[in-house]
Amino acid sequence: MITLHALKYSRATRVLWLLDDLGQPCNRIDYDRTEEFRAPPDLSKVHPLGKSPVIVDDGDMIAESATILRYLAAKFDDDTHTPPKGTADYWHHEALFDYVEASFAEVALQAIMPAFQGKPVPDQAKAALDKHLNYITQAIGDGPLLFGEKAMLADIQMSYIIALLARLNLLNDHPRIAAYWDALQQQPGYIAATRSAGPMAPPAE
């Protein structure tokens, strides 16, 4: 059985979501965040950089949520979480899937971090975030998700950053993204993962 090392309020929920969609159990080892909202030292015993999520399968350790999602889809011969291979939609999906952590996350965090600390979001950070949220709005198209009614890997990957933005009221000027977040929360895998491990984003104090 796959072992998942899961930090609270983290990208690990993405992995739980896909595992639930695939009907696959896991041995989940949970880690609480420190008072500074950082990963605890124990995670450094699992991965040299203290990463989460990390899975261990047949003795092999795999980190980075995008890699883990692709690994699980391949391991269980899943073709229901991407558009048909070789199509334009497939390559559009792959670009969006990689875009989340390669481009979007860094920009989003420039707004998330000050907002999380109760500070105003700098104008430059807000403008950069708005540009990316407008891009995602275009990608959603007719919706409700990126490729219709069913969550793809790109939707699962997108969910964590969107959850943080929603928690901090940073989607107020982007109703289509807010509606997208509502649709993500209605997906069975999301519901199962968050019931089991708690919400993606920390609750408001």
N, C-alpha and C. Protein backbone atom coordinates (compact mmCIF):
# COMPACT_ATOMS: atom_id res chain seq x y z
N MET A 1 0.84 -1.20 0.00
CA MET A 1 0.00 0.00 0.00
C MET A 1 0.88 1.25 0.00
N ILE A 2 0.43 2.27 -0.70
CA ILE A 2 1.15 3.53 -0.76
C ILE A 2 1.08 4.24 0.59
N THR A 3 2.21 4.77 1.03
CA THR A 3 2.26 5.60 2.23
C THR A 3 2.34 7.06 1.80
N LEU A 4 1.47 7.88 2.37
CA LEU A 4 1.46 9.31 2.07
C LEU A 4 1.83 10.09 3.32
N HIS A 5 2.88 10.88 3.22
CA HIS A 5 3.28 11.78 4.31
C HIS A 5 2.60 13.12 4.04
N ALA A 6 1.64 13.46 4.90
CA ALA A 6 0.73 14.58 4.62
C ALA A 6 0.84 15.66 5.69
N LEU A 7 1.28 16.83 5.27
CA LEU A 7 1.31 18.00 6.15
C LEU A 7 -0.07 18.64 6.17
N LYS A 8 -0.50 19.07 7.34
CA LYS A 8 -1.81 19.71 7.47
C LYS A 8 -1.86 21.00 6.66
N TYR A 9 -3.01 21.27 6.06
CA TYR A 9 -3.22 22.46 5.23
C TYR A 9 -2.15 22.54 4.13
N SER A 10 -2.06 21.52 3.32
CA SER A 10 -0.99 21.50 2.33
C SER A 10 -1.45 20.87 1.02
N ARG A 11 -0.51 20.81 0.11
CA ARG A 11 -0.75 20.21 -1.20
C ARG A 11 -1.03 18.71 -1.11
N ALA A 12 -0.83 18.11 0.04
CA ALA A 12 -1.09 16.68 0.20
C ALA A 12 -2.55 16.33 -0.07
N THR A 13 -3.45 17.30 0.13
CA THR A 13 -4.87 17.04 -0.14
C THR A 13 -5.10 16.71 -1.60
N ARG A 14 -4.28 17.26 -2.49
CA ARG A 14 -4.37 16.92 -3.91
C ARG A 14 -4.22 15.41 -4.11
N VAL A 15 -3.26 14.84 -3.41
CA VAL A 15 -2.97 13.41 -3.56
C VAL A 15 -4.12 12.57 -3.01
N LEU A 16 -4.63 12.96 -1.86
CA LEU A 16 -5.78 12.25 -1.29
C LEU A 16 -6.98 12.30 -2.22
N TRP A 17 -7.19 13.43 -2.85
CA TRP A 17 -8.30 13.60 -3.79
C TRP A 17 -8.18 12.59 -4.93
N LEU A 18 -7.02 12.53 -5.57
CA LEU A 18 -6.86 11.61 -6.69
C LEU A 18 -6.97 10.16 -6.23
N LEU A 19 -6.37 9.83 -5.10
CA LEU A 19 -6.47 8.46 -4.59
C LEU A 19 -7.92 8.06 -4.37
N ASP A 20 -8.72 8.98 -3.84
CA ASP A 20 -10.14 8.67 -3.65
C ASP A 20 -10.83 8.46 -4.99
N ASP A 21 -10.54 9.33 -5.96
CA ASP A 21 -11.13 9.16 -7.30
C ASP A 21 -10.78 7.79 -7.88
N LEU A 22 -9.56 7.33 -7.61
CA LEU A 22 -9.09 6.06 -8.16
C LEU A 22 -9.53 4.86 -7.33
N GLY A 23 -10.16 5.13 -6.18
CA GLY A 23 -10.58 4.03 -5.31
C GLY A 23 -9.42 3.31 -4.65
N GLN A 24 -8.34 4.04 -4.40
CA GLN A 24 -7.14 3.43 -3.84
C GLN A 24 -6.90 3.92 -2.41
N PRO A 25 -6.72 3.00 -1.47
CA PRO A 25 -6.42 3.40 -0.09
C PRO A 25 -4.96 3.81 0.04
N CYS A 26 -4.63 4.41 1.16
CA CYS A 26 -3.23 4.71 1.45
C CYS A 26 -3.03 4.67 2.95
N ASN A 27 -1.79 4.51 3.32
CA ASN A 27 -1.39 4.64 4.72
C ASN A 27 -0.95 6.09 4.90
N ARG A 28 -1.79 6.89 5.54
CA ARG A 28 -1.50 8.32 5.66
C ARG A 28 -0.85 8.62 7.01
N ILE A 29 0.28 9.30 6.95
CA ILE A 29 0.97 9.75 8.16
C ILE A 29 0.85 11.27 8.19
N ASP A 30 0.18 11.78 9.21
CA ASP A 30 -0.11 13.21 9.28
C ASP A 30 0.95 13.96 10.09
N TYR A 31 1.16 15.21 9.69
CA TYR A 31 2.12 16.09 10.36
C TYR A 31 1.44 17.44 10.60
N ASP A 32 1.48 17.91 11.83
CA ASP A 32 0.94 19.24 12.15
C ASP A 32 1.97 20.31 11.83
N ARG A 33 1.49 21.48 11.49
CA ARG A 33 2.38 22.62 11.27
C ARG A 33 2.83 23.20 12.61
N THR A 34 3.96 23.90 12.56
CA THR A 34 4.46 24.58 13.75
C THR A 34 3.64 25.85 14.00
N GLU A 35 3.90 26.52 15.12
CA GLU A 35 3.21 27.77 15.41
C GLU A 35 3.50 28.83 14.36
N GLU A 36 4.64 28.70 13.68
CA GLU A 36 5.00 29.63 12.60
C GLU A 36 4.43 29.18 11.26
N PHE A 37 3.57 28.16 11.28
CA PHE A 37 2.92 27.61 10.10
C PHE A 37 3.92 26.94 9.15
N ARG A 38 5.00 26.43 9.70
CA ARG A 38 5.99 25.74 8.89
C ARG A 38 5.86 24.23 9.08
N ALA A 39 6.53 23.49 8.20
CA ALA A 39 6.56 22.04 8.34
C ALA A 39 7.41 21.67 9.56
N PRO A 40 7.03 20.63 10.29
CA PRO A 40 7.79 20.24 11.47
C PRO A 40 9.10 19.55 11.09
N PRO A 41 10.06 19.51 12.00
CA PRO A 41 11.35 18.86 11.72
C PRO A 41 11.22 17.40 11.32
N ASP A 42 10.18 16.72 11.80
CA ASP A 42 10.03 15.29 11.49
C ASP A 42 9.93 15.03 9.99
N LEU A 43 9.42 15.99 9.23
CA LEU A 43 9.31 15.77 7.78
C LEU A 43 10.68 15.72 7.12
N SER A 44 11.68 16.33 7.73
CA SER A 44 13.03 16.27 7.18
C SER A 44 13.63 14.88 7.30
N LYS A 45 13.04 14.05 8.15
CA LYS A 45 13.48 12.66 8.25
C LYS A 45 12.94 11.82 7.09
N VAL A 46 11.89 12.34 6.44
CA VAL A 46 11.28 11.64 5.31
C VAL A 46 11.90 12.11 4.00
N HIS A 47 12.04 13.42 3.86
CA HIS A 47 12.62 14.03 2.65
C HIS A 47 13.66 15.05 3.10
N PRO A 48 14.81 15.10 2.45
CA PRO A 48 15.88 16.02 2.89
C PRO A 48 15.45 17.48 2.98
N LEU A 49 14.46 17.88 2.17
CA LEU A 49 14.00 19.26 2.18
C LEU A 49 12.74 19.45 3.02
N GLY A 50 12.33 18.41 3.73
CA GLY A 50 11.13 18.51 4.55
C GLY A 50 9.87 18.66 3.73
N LYS A 51 9.83 18.04 2.56
CA LYS A 51 8.72 18.21 1.62
C LYS A 51 7.46 17.47 2.06
N SER A 52 6.32 18.02 1.66
CA SER A 52 5.04 17.32 1.72
C SER A 52 4.19 17.91 0.61
N PRO A 53 3.53 17.06 -0.17
CA PRO A 53 3.40 15.62 0.02
C PRO A 53 4.61 14.84 -0.47
N VAL A 54 4.77 13.69 0.16
CA VAL A 54 5.72 12.67 -0.27
C VAL A 54 4.99 11.34 -0.19
N ILE A 55 5.15 10.51 -1.21
CA ILE A 55 4.63 9.15 -1.11
C ILE A 55 5.80 8.17 -1.15
N VAL A 56 5.56 7.03 -0.54
CA VAL A 56 6.51 5.91 -0.61
C VAL A 56 5.74 4.72 -1.15
N ASP A 57 6.23 4.17 -2.26
CA ASP A 57 5.57 3.04 -2.91
C ASP A 57 6.61 2.00 -3.25
N ASP A 58 6.46 0.82 -2.69
CA ASP A 58 7.43 -0.26 -2.91
C ASP A 58 8.86 0.19 -2.61
N GLY A 59 9.00 1.01 -1.57
CA GLY A 59 10.32 1.46 -1.16
C GLY A 59 10.83 2.68 -1.88
N ASP A 60 10.14 3.12 -2.92
CA ASP A 60 10.56 4.30 -3.67
C ASP A 60 9.86 5.55 -3.13
N MET A 61 10.63 6.59 -2.86
CA MET A 61 10.08 7.85 -2.39
C MET A 61 9.88 8.80 -3.57
N ILE A 62 8.69 9.39 -3.65
CA ILE A 62 8.38 10.32 -4.73
C ILE A 62 7.82 11.59 -4.10
N ALA A 63 8.39 12.72 -4.48
CA ALA A 63 7.95 14.02 -3.98
C ALA A 63 7.42 14.85 -5.15
N GLU A 64 6.95 16.06 -4.83
CA GLU A 64 6.36 17.03 -5.75
C GLU A 64 4.97 16.55 -6.19
N SER A 65 3.97 17.34 -5.86
CA SER A 65 2.59 16.89 -6.06
C SER A 65 2.27 16.62 -7.53
N ALA A 66 2.80 17.41 -8.45
CA ALA A 66 2.53 17.16 -9.87
C ALA A 66 3.07 15.80 -10.28
N THR A 67 4.29 15.50 -9.85
CA THR A 67 4.89 14.20 -10.18
C THR A 67 4.10 13.07 -9.55
N ILE A 68 3.67 13.27 -8.30
CA ILE A 68 2.90 12.23 -7.62
C ILE A 68 1.58 11.97 -8.35
N LEU A 69 0.88 13.02 -8.75
CA LEU A 69 -0.39 12.83 -9.45
C LEU A 69 -0.18 12.08 -10.76
N ARG A 70 0.85 12.45 -11.51
CA ARG A 70 1.13 11.75 -12.76
C ARG A 70 1.52 10.29 -12.49
N TYR A 71 2.30 10.08 -11.45
CA TYR A 71 2.71 8.72 -11.09
C TYR A 71 1.51 7.85 -10.77
N LEU A 72 0.60 8.37 -9.96
CA LEU A 72 -0.58 7.59 -9.57
C LEU A 72 -1.47 7.29 -10.77
N ALA A 73 -1.65 8.28 -11.64
CA ALA A 73 -2.46 8.05 -12.84
C ALA A 73 -1.84 6.95 -13.71
N ALA A 74 -0.51 6.97 -13.83
CA ALA A 74 0.17 5.95 -14.63
C ALA A 74 0.13 4.58 -13.94
N LYS A 75 0.37 4.57 -12.64
CA LYS A 75 0.41 3.30 -11.90
C LYS A 75 -0.91 2.55 -11.99
N PHE A 76 -2.00 3.30 -11.92
CA PHE A 76 -3.32 2.66 -11.91
C PHE A 76 -4.03 2.74 -13.26
N ASP A 77 -3.23 2.99 -14.32
CA ASP A 77 -3.76 2.98 -15.70
C ASP A 77 -4.99 3.86 -15.84
N ASP A 78 -4.92 5.04 -15.25
CA ASP A 78 -6.06 5.96 -15.27
C ASP A 78 -5.97 6.89 -16.46
N ASP A 79 -7.02 6.93 -17.26
CA ASP A 79 -7.08 7.89 -18.36
C ASP A 79 -8.31 8.78 -18.26
N THR A 80 -8.89 8.84 -17.06
CA THR A 80 -10.12 9.62 -16.87
C THR A 80 -9.84 11.01 -16.32
N HIS A 81 -8.59 11.31 -15.99
CA HIS A 81 -8.26 12.60 -15.40
C HIS A 81 -7.45 13.49 -16.34
N THR A 82 -7.42 13.12 -17.62
CA THR A 82 -6.87 13.98 -18.66
C THR A 82 -7.76 13.85 -19.89
N PRO A 83 -7.78 14.86 -20.74
CA PRO A 83 -8.44 14.68 -22.03
C PRO A 83 -7.73 13.59 -22.84
N PRO A 84 -8.34 13.08 -23.90
CA PRO A 84 -7.70 12.02 -24.70
C PRO A 84 -6.32 12.43 -25.19
N LYS A 85 -5.36 11.53 -25.04
CA LYS A 85 -3.99 11.83 -25.44
C LYS A 85 -3.91 12.12 -26.94
N GLY A 86 -3.03 13.06 -27.27
CA GLY A 86 -2.83 13.41 -28.66
C GLY A 86 -3.74 14.50 -29.18
N THR A 87 -4.75 14.86 -28.39
CA THR A 87 -5.67 15.92 -28.81
C THR A 87 -5.14 17.28 -28.38
N ALA A 88 -5.71 18.33 -28.98
CA ALA A 88 -5.34 19.68 -28.57
C ALA A 88 -5.68 19.92 -27.10
N ASP A 89 -6.82 19.38 -26.66
CA ASP A 89 -7.20 19.54 -25.25
C ASP A 89 -6.20 18.88 -24.32
N TYR A 90 -5.64 17.75 -24.75
CA TYR A 90 -4.66 17.06 -23.90
C TYR A 90 -3.46 17.96 -23.66
N TRP A 91 -2.92 18.56 -24.70
CA TRP A 91 -1.73 19.40 -24.53
C TRP A 91 -2.07 20.70 -23.81
N HIS A 92 -3.28 21.20 -24.02
CA HIS A 92 -3.73 22.37 -23.26
C HIS A 92 -3.80 22.02 -21.78
N HIS A 93 -4.30 20.82 -21.49
CA HIS A 93 -4.36 20.35 -20.11
C HIS A 93 -2.96 20.26 -19.50
N GLU A 94 -2.02 19.66 -20.23
CA GLU A 94 -0.67 19.49 -19.70
C GLU A 94 -0.03 20.85 -19.40
N ALA A 95 -0.28 21.83 -20.27
CA ALA A 95 0.27 23.17 -20.03
C ALA A 95 -0.32 23.78 -18.76
N LEU A 96 -1.63 23.65 -18.58
CA LEU A 96 -2.27 24.19 -17.38
C LEU A 96 -1.80 23.45 -16.13
N PHE A 97 -1.64 22.15 -16.24
CA PHE A 97 -1.19 21.34 -15.10
C PHE A 97 0.17 21.82 -14.61
N ASP A 98 1.10 22.04 -15.53
CA ASP A 98 2.44 22.50 -15.14
C ASP A 98 2.46 23.98 -14.77
N TYR A 99 1.56 24.75 -15.36
CA TYR A 99 1.48 26.19 -15.09
C TYR A 99 1.24 26.48 -13.61
N VAL A 100 0.48 25.62 -12.94
CA VAL A 100 0.07 25.91 -11.56
C VAL A 100 1.27 26.19 -10.67
N GLU A 101 2.22 25.27 -10.64
CA GLU A 101 3.38 25.45 -9.76
C GLU A 101 4.53 26.17 -10.44
N ALA A 102 4.61 26.09 -11.77
CA ALA A 102 5.72 26.73 -12.47
C ALA A 102 5.55 28.24 -12.58
N SER A 103 4.31 28.72 -12.64
CA SER A 103 4.06 30.15 -12.86
C SER A 103 3.09 30.76 -11.85
N PHE A 104 1.95 30.12 -11.66
CA PHE A 104 0.87 30.72 -10.88
C PHE A 104 1.19 30.79 -9.39
N ALA A 105 1.73 29.73 -8.84
CA ALA A 105 1.92 29.66 -7.38
C ALA A 105 2.80 30.78 -6.86
N GLU A 106 3.90 31.04 -7.55
CA GLU A 106 4.82 32.08 -7.08
C GLU A 106 4.15 33.45 -7.06
N VAL A 107 3.39 33.75 -8.11
CA VAL A 107 2.68 35.03 -8.17
C VAL A 107 1.61 35.10 -7.09
N ALA A 108 0.85 34.02 -6.93
CA ALA A 108 -0.21 34.00 -5.93
C ALA A 108 0.34 34.19 -4.53
N LEU A 109 1.48 33.57 -4.24
CA LEU A 109 2.04 33.65 -2.90
C LEU A 109 2.49 35.07 -2.54
N GLN A 110 2.82 35.87 -3.55
CA GLN A 110 3.18 37.27 -3.27
C GLN A 110 2.00 38.06 -2.71
N ALA A 111 0.79 37.60 -3.00
CA ALA A 111 -0.41 38.21 -2.42
C ALA A 111 -0.87 37.45 -1.18
N ILE A 112 -0.71 36.14 -1.20
CA ILE A 112 -1.19 35.31 -0.10
C ILE A 112 -0.43 35.60 1.19
N MET A 113 0.89 35.72 1.11
CA MET A 113 1.69 35.87 2.33
C MET A 113 1.35 37.13 3.12
N PRO A 114 1.31 38.32 2.50
CA PRO A 114 0.92 39.49 3.29
C PRO A 114 -0.52 39.40 3.79
N ALA A 115 -1.42 38.89 2.96
CA ALA A 115 -2.82 38.77 3.38
C ALA A 115 -2.94 37.83 4.57
N PHE A 116 -2.18 36.75 4.55
CA PHE A 116 -2.20 35.78 5.65
C PHE A 116 -1.70 36.41 6.95
N GLN A 117 -0.79 37.37 6.82
CA GLN A 117 -0.24 38.06 7.99
C GLN A 117 -1.08 39.27 8.40
N GLY A 118 -2.21 39.47 7.72
CA GLY A 118 -3.08 40.59 8.04
C GLY A 118 -2.60 41.92 7.51
N LYS A 119 -1.70 41.89 6.52
CA LYS A 119 -1.16 43.11 5.94
C LYS A 119 -1.81 43.38 4.59
N PRO A 120 -1.82 44.63 4.13
CA PRO A 120 -2.35 44.92 2.80
C PRO A 120 -1.52 44.24 1.72
N VAL A 121 -2.18 43.80 0.67
CA VAL A 121 -1.47 43.22 -0.47
C VAL A 121 -0.89 44.36 -1.30
N PRO A 122 0.41 44.37 -1.56
CA PRO A 122 1.00 45.44 -2.37
C PRO A 122 0.32 45.54 -3.74
N ASP A 123 0.22 46.76 -4.24
CA ASP A 123 -0.47 46.98 -5.52
C ASP A 123 0.15 46.15 -6.65
N GLN A 124 1.47 46.06 -6.66
CA GLN A 124 2.13 45.30 -7.72
C GLN A 124 1.77 43.82 -7.65
N ALA A 125 1.72 43.28 -6.43
CA ALA A 125 1.35 41.88 -6.25
C ALA A 125 -0.10 41.64 -6.65
N LYS A 126 -0.98 42.58 -6.29
CA LYS A 126 -2.40 42.46 -6.64
C LYS A 126 -2.58 42.51 -8.16
N ALA A 127 -1.85 43.39 -8.82
CA ALA A 127 -1.96 43.50 -10.28
C ALA A 127 -1.48 42.23 -10.96
N ALA A 128 -0.38 41.68 -10.46
CA ALA A 128 0.15 40.44 -11.04
C ALA A 128 -0.82 39.28 -10.83
N LEU A 129 -1.40 39.21 -9.63
CA LEU A 129 -2.37 38.15 -9.35
C LEU A 129 -3.59 38.29 -10.25
N ASP A 130 -4.09 39.52 -10.39
CA ASP A 130 -5.27 39.73 -11.24
C ASP A 130 -5.01 39.27 -12.68
N LYS A 131 -3.81 39.52 -13.17
CA LYS A 131 -3.46 39.10 -14.53
C LYS A 131 -3.57 37.58 -14.67
N HIS A 132 -3.08 36.86 -13.67
CA HIS A 132 -3.13 35.39 -13.72
C HIS A 132 -4.56 34.88 -13.53
N LEU A 133 -5.32 35.52 -12.65
CA LEU A 133 -6.70 35.08 -12.46
C LEU A 133 -7.54 35.33 -13.71
N ASN A 134 -7.24 36.39 -14.43
CA ASN A 134 -7.93 36.63 -15.70
C ASN A 134 -7.56 35.54 -16.72
N TYR A 135 -6.32 35.13 -16.70
CA TYR A 135 -5.88 34.05 -17.58
C TYR A 135 -6.61 32.75 -17.26
N ILE A 136 -6.74 32.44 -15.98
CA ILE A 136 -7.44 31.21 -15.57
C ILE A 136 -8.93 31.31 -15.92
N THR A 137 -9.50 32.50 -15.78
CA THR A 137 -10.90 32.70 -16.16
C THR A 137 -11.11 32.33 -17.63
N GLN A 138 -10.19 32.76 -18.48
CA GLN A 138 -10.28 32.41 -19.90
C GLN A 138 -10.15 30.90 -20.10
N ALA A 139 -9.27 30.27 -19.31
CA ALA A 139 -9.06 28.83 -19.44
C ALA A 139 -10.30 28.04 -19.04
N ILE A 140 -11.06 28.55 -18.08
CA ILE A 140 -12.27 27.85 -17.64
C ILE A 140 -13.31 27.82 -18.75
N GLY A 141 -13.37 28.87 -19.53
CA GLY A 141 -14.32 28.89 -20.65
C GLY A 141 -15.75 28.72 -20.17
N ASP A 142 -16.45 27.73 -20.74
CA ASP A 142 -17.84 27.48 -20.38
C ASP A 142 -17.98 26.77 -19.04
N GLY A 143 -16.87 26.21 -18.53
CA GLY A 143 -16.85 25.60 -17.21
C GLY A 143 -17.77 24.39 -17.08
N PRO A 144 -18.11 24.05 -15.84
CA PRO A 144 -17.73 24.77 -14.62
C PRO A 144 -16.27 24.57 -14.21
N LEU A 145 -15.64 23.47 -14.72
CA LEU A 145 -14.23 23.22 -14.44
C LEU A 145 -13.43 23.46 -15.71
N LEU A 146 -12.15 23.18 -15.67
CA LEU A 146 -11.29 23.52 -16.80
C LEU A 146 -11.68 22.79 -18.08
N PHE A 147 -12.16 21.55 -17.94
CA PHE A 147 -12.51 20.76 -19.12
C PHE A 147 -13.90 20.15 -18.98
N GLY A 148 -14.80 20.93 -18.43
CA GLY A 148 -16.18 20.46 -18.33
C GLY A 148 -16.61 20.17 -16.91
N GLU A 149 -17.36 19.08 -16.75
CA GLU A 149 -17.97 18.76 -15.46
C GLU A 149 -17.05 18.00 -14.51
N LYS A 150 -16.10 17.24 -15.06
CA LYS A 150 -15.27 16.36 -14.24
C LYS A 150 -13.90 16.97 -13.99
N ALA A 151 -13.42 16.82 -12.77
CA ALA A 151 -12.10 17.34 -12.42
C ALA A 151 -11.00 16.54 -13.11
N MET A 152 -10.12 17.25 -13.78
CA MET A 152 -8.92 16.67 -14.38
C MET A 152 -7.74 16.86 -13.41
N LEU A 153 -6.60 16.30 -13.76
CA LEU A 153 -5.41 16.50 -12.93
C LEU A 153 -5.11 17.99 -12.76
N ALA A 154 -5.30 18.76 -13.81
CA ALA A 154 -5.02 20.20 -13.72
C ALA A 154 -5.94 20.89 -12.71
N ASP A 155 -7.19 20.46 -12.63
CA ASP A 155 -8.11 21.02 -11.63
C ASP A 155 -7.65 20.67 -10.22
N ILE A 156 -7.28 19.41 -10.03
CA ILE A 156 -6.82 18.98 -8.71
C ILE A 156 -5.57 19.77 -8.32
N GLN A 157 -4.68 19.96 -9.28
CA GLN A 157 -3.45 20.72 -9.02
C GLN A 157 -3.77 22.18 -8.70
N MET A 158 -4.72 22.75 -9.39
CA MET A 158 -5.09 24.15 -9.21
C MET A 158 -5.75 24.40 -7.86
N SER A 159 -6.40 23.39 -7.31
CA SER A 159 -7.30 23.58 -6.17
C SER A 159 -6.63 24.19 -4.94
N TYR A 160 -5.41 23.80 -4.64
CA TYR A 160 -4.78 24.25 -3.40
C TYR A 160 -4.56 25.76 -3.40
N ILE A 161 -4.03 26.29 -4.49
CA ILE A 161 -3.78 27.73 -4.56
C ILE A 161 -5.10 28.50 -4.55
N ILE A 162 -6.08 27.98 -5.27
CA ILE A 162 -7.39 28.63 -5.29
C ILE A 162 -8.01 28.62 -3.90
N ALA A 163 -7.83 27.53 -3.16
CA ALA A 163 -8.37 27.44 -1.80
C ALA A 163 -7.77 28.52 -0.90
N LEU A 164 -6.47 28.73 -1.00
CA LEU A 164 -5.82 29.77 -0.19
C LEU A 164 -6.33 31.15 -0.56
N LEU A 165 -6.47 31.40 -1.86
CA LEU A 165 -6.95 32.71 -2.30
C LEU A 165 -8.38 32.95 -1.82
N ALA A 166 -9.21 31.92 -1.90
CA ALA A 166 -10.60 32.05 -1.43
C ALA A 166 -10.64 32.31 0.07
N ARG A 167 -9.82 31.59 0.81
CA ARG A 167 -9.78 31.74 2.26
C ARG A 167 -9.44 33.18 2.66
N LEU A 168 -8.61 33.85 1.85
CA LEU A 168 -8.14 35.19 2.17
C LEU A 168 -8.92 36.28 1.43
N ASN A 169 -10.06 35.89 0.85
CA ASN A 169 -10.94 36.84 0.15
C ASN A 169 -10.24 37.54 -1.01
N LEU A 170 -9.34 36.82 -1.67
CA LEU A 170 -8.61 37.40 -2.80
C LEU A 170 -9.25 37.05 -4.14
N LEU A 171 -10.44 36.44 -4.08
CA LEU A 171 -11.18 36.14 -5.32
C LEU A 171 -12.39 37.06 -5.49
N ASN A 172 -12.53 38.04 -4.61
CA ASN A 172 -13.75 38.86 -4.61
C ASN A 172 -13.98 39.59 -5.93
N ASP A 173 -12.91 39.93 -6.63
CA ASP A 173 -13.05 40.65 -7.90
C ASP A 173 -13.07 39.70 -9.10
N HIS A 174 -13.16 38.41 -8.82
CA HIS A 174 -13.10 37.41 -9.90
C HIS A 174 -14.21 36.37 -9.70
N PRO A 175 -15.45 36.75 -10.00
CA PRO A 175 -16.58 35.85 -9.73
C PRO A 175 -16.51 34.52 -10.47
N ARG A 176 -15.92 34.50 -11.66
CA ARG A 176 -15.81 33.23 -12.38
C ARG A 176 -14.88 32.26 -11.65
N ILE A 177 -13.81 32.80 -11.06
CA ILE A 177 -12.89 31.95 -10.31
C ILE A 177 -13.56 31.49 -9.01
N ALA A 178 -14.34 32.37 -8.39
CA ALA A 178 -15.08 31.98 -7.18
C ALA A 178 -16.07 30.87 -7.50
N ALA A 179 -16.73 30.96 -8.65
CA ALA A 179 -17.65 29.90 -9.07
C ALA A 179 -16.89 28.61 -9.37
N TYR A 180 -15.72 28.74 -9.94
CA TYR A 180 -14.85 27.58 -10.20
C TYR A 180 -14.49 26.90 -8.88
N TRP A 181 -14.15 27.68 -7.87
CA TRP A 181 -13.83 27.13 -6.56
C TRP A 181 -15.04 26.41 -5.97
N ASP A 182 -16.22 26.99 -6.12
CA ASP A 182 -17.43 26.33 -5.65
C ASP A 182 -17.61 24.97 -6.33
N ALA A 183 -17.36 24.94 -7.64
CA ALA A 183 -17.51 23.68 -8.39
C ALA A 183 -16.47 22.65 -7.96
N LEU A 184 -15.25 23.08 -7.69
CA LEU A 184 -14.22 22.16 -7.21
C LEU A 184 -14.64 21.52 -5.89
N GLN A 185 -15.24 22.30 -5.02
CA GLN A 185 -15.62 21.79 -3.71
C GLN A 185 -16.78 20.80 -3.77
N GLN A 186 -17.44 20.73 -4.91
CA GLN A 186 -18.54 19.77 -5.08
C GLN A 186 -18.07 18.44 -5.66
N GLN A 187 -16.80 18.35 -6.01
CA GLN A 187 -16.28 17.10 -6.58
C GLN A 187 -16.17 16.03 -5.49
N PRO A 188 -16.60 14.81 -5.77
CA PRO A 188 -16.58 13.75 -4.74
C PRO A 188 -15.21 13.52 -4.12
N GLY A 189 -14.16 13.56 -4.93
CA GLY A 189 -12.82 13.33 -4.39
C GLY A 189 -12.38 14.42 -3.44
N TYR A 190 -12.74 15.66 -3.76
CA TYR A 190 -12.43 16.78 -2.86
C TYR A 190 -13.17 16.60 -1.54
N ILE A 191 -14.45 16.27 -1.63
CA ILE A 191 -15.26 16.11 -0.42
C ILE A 191 -14.67 15.02 0.47
N ALA A 192 -14.32 13.88 -0.13
CA ALA A 192 -13.76 12.77 0.64
C ALA A 192 -12.42 13.14 1.27
N ALA A 193 -11.57 13.81 0.49
CA ALA A 193 -10.23 14.15 0.99
C ALA A 193 -10.30 15.13 2.15
N THR A 194 -11.16 16.13 2.04
CA THR A 194 -11.22 17.14 3.10
C THR A 194 -11.99 16.63 4.32
N ARG A 195 -12.92 15.72 4.12
CA ARG A 195 -13.56 15.10 5.28
C ARG A 195 -12.56 14.26 6.06
N SER A 196 -11.65 13.63 5.35
CA SER A 196 -10.67 12.76 5.99
C SER A 196 -9.53 13.54 6.64
N ALA A 197 -9.01 14.54 5.92
CA ALA A 197 -7.79 15.21 6.36
C ALA A 197 -7.99 16.66 6.79
N GLY A 198 -9.21 17.18 6.65
CA GLY A 198 -9.45 18.57 7.00
C GLY A 198 -9.33 19.47 5.78
N PRO A 199 -9.64 20.75 5.94
CA PRO A 199 -9.66 21.67 4.80
C PRO A 199 -8.28 21.90 4.20
N MET A 200 -8.27 22.31 2.93
CA MET A 200 -7.00 22.63 2.28
C MET A 200 -6.35 23.85 2.92
N ALA A 201 -7.15 24.87 3.17
CA ALA A 201 -6.65 26.12 3.74
C ALA A 201 -7.03 26.20 5.21
N PRO A 202 -6.20 26.84 6.02
CA PRO A 202 -6.54 26.97 7.44
C PRO A 202 -7.81 27.79 7.61
N PRO A 203 -8.65 27.43 8.58
CA PRO A 203 -9.89 28.19 8.79
C PRO A 203 -9.61 29.60 9.29
N ALA A 204 -10.55 30.49 9.05
CA ALA A 204 -10.42 31.85 9.54
C ALA A 204 -10.45 31.85 11.06
N GLU A 205 -9.63 32.70 11.65
CA GLU A 205 -9.58 32.77 13.11
C GLU A 205 -10.74 33.59 13.65
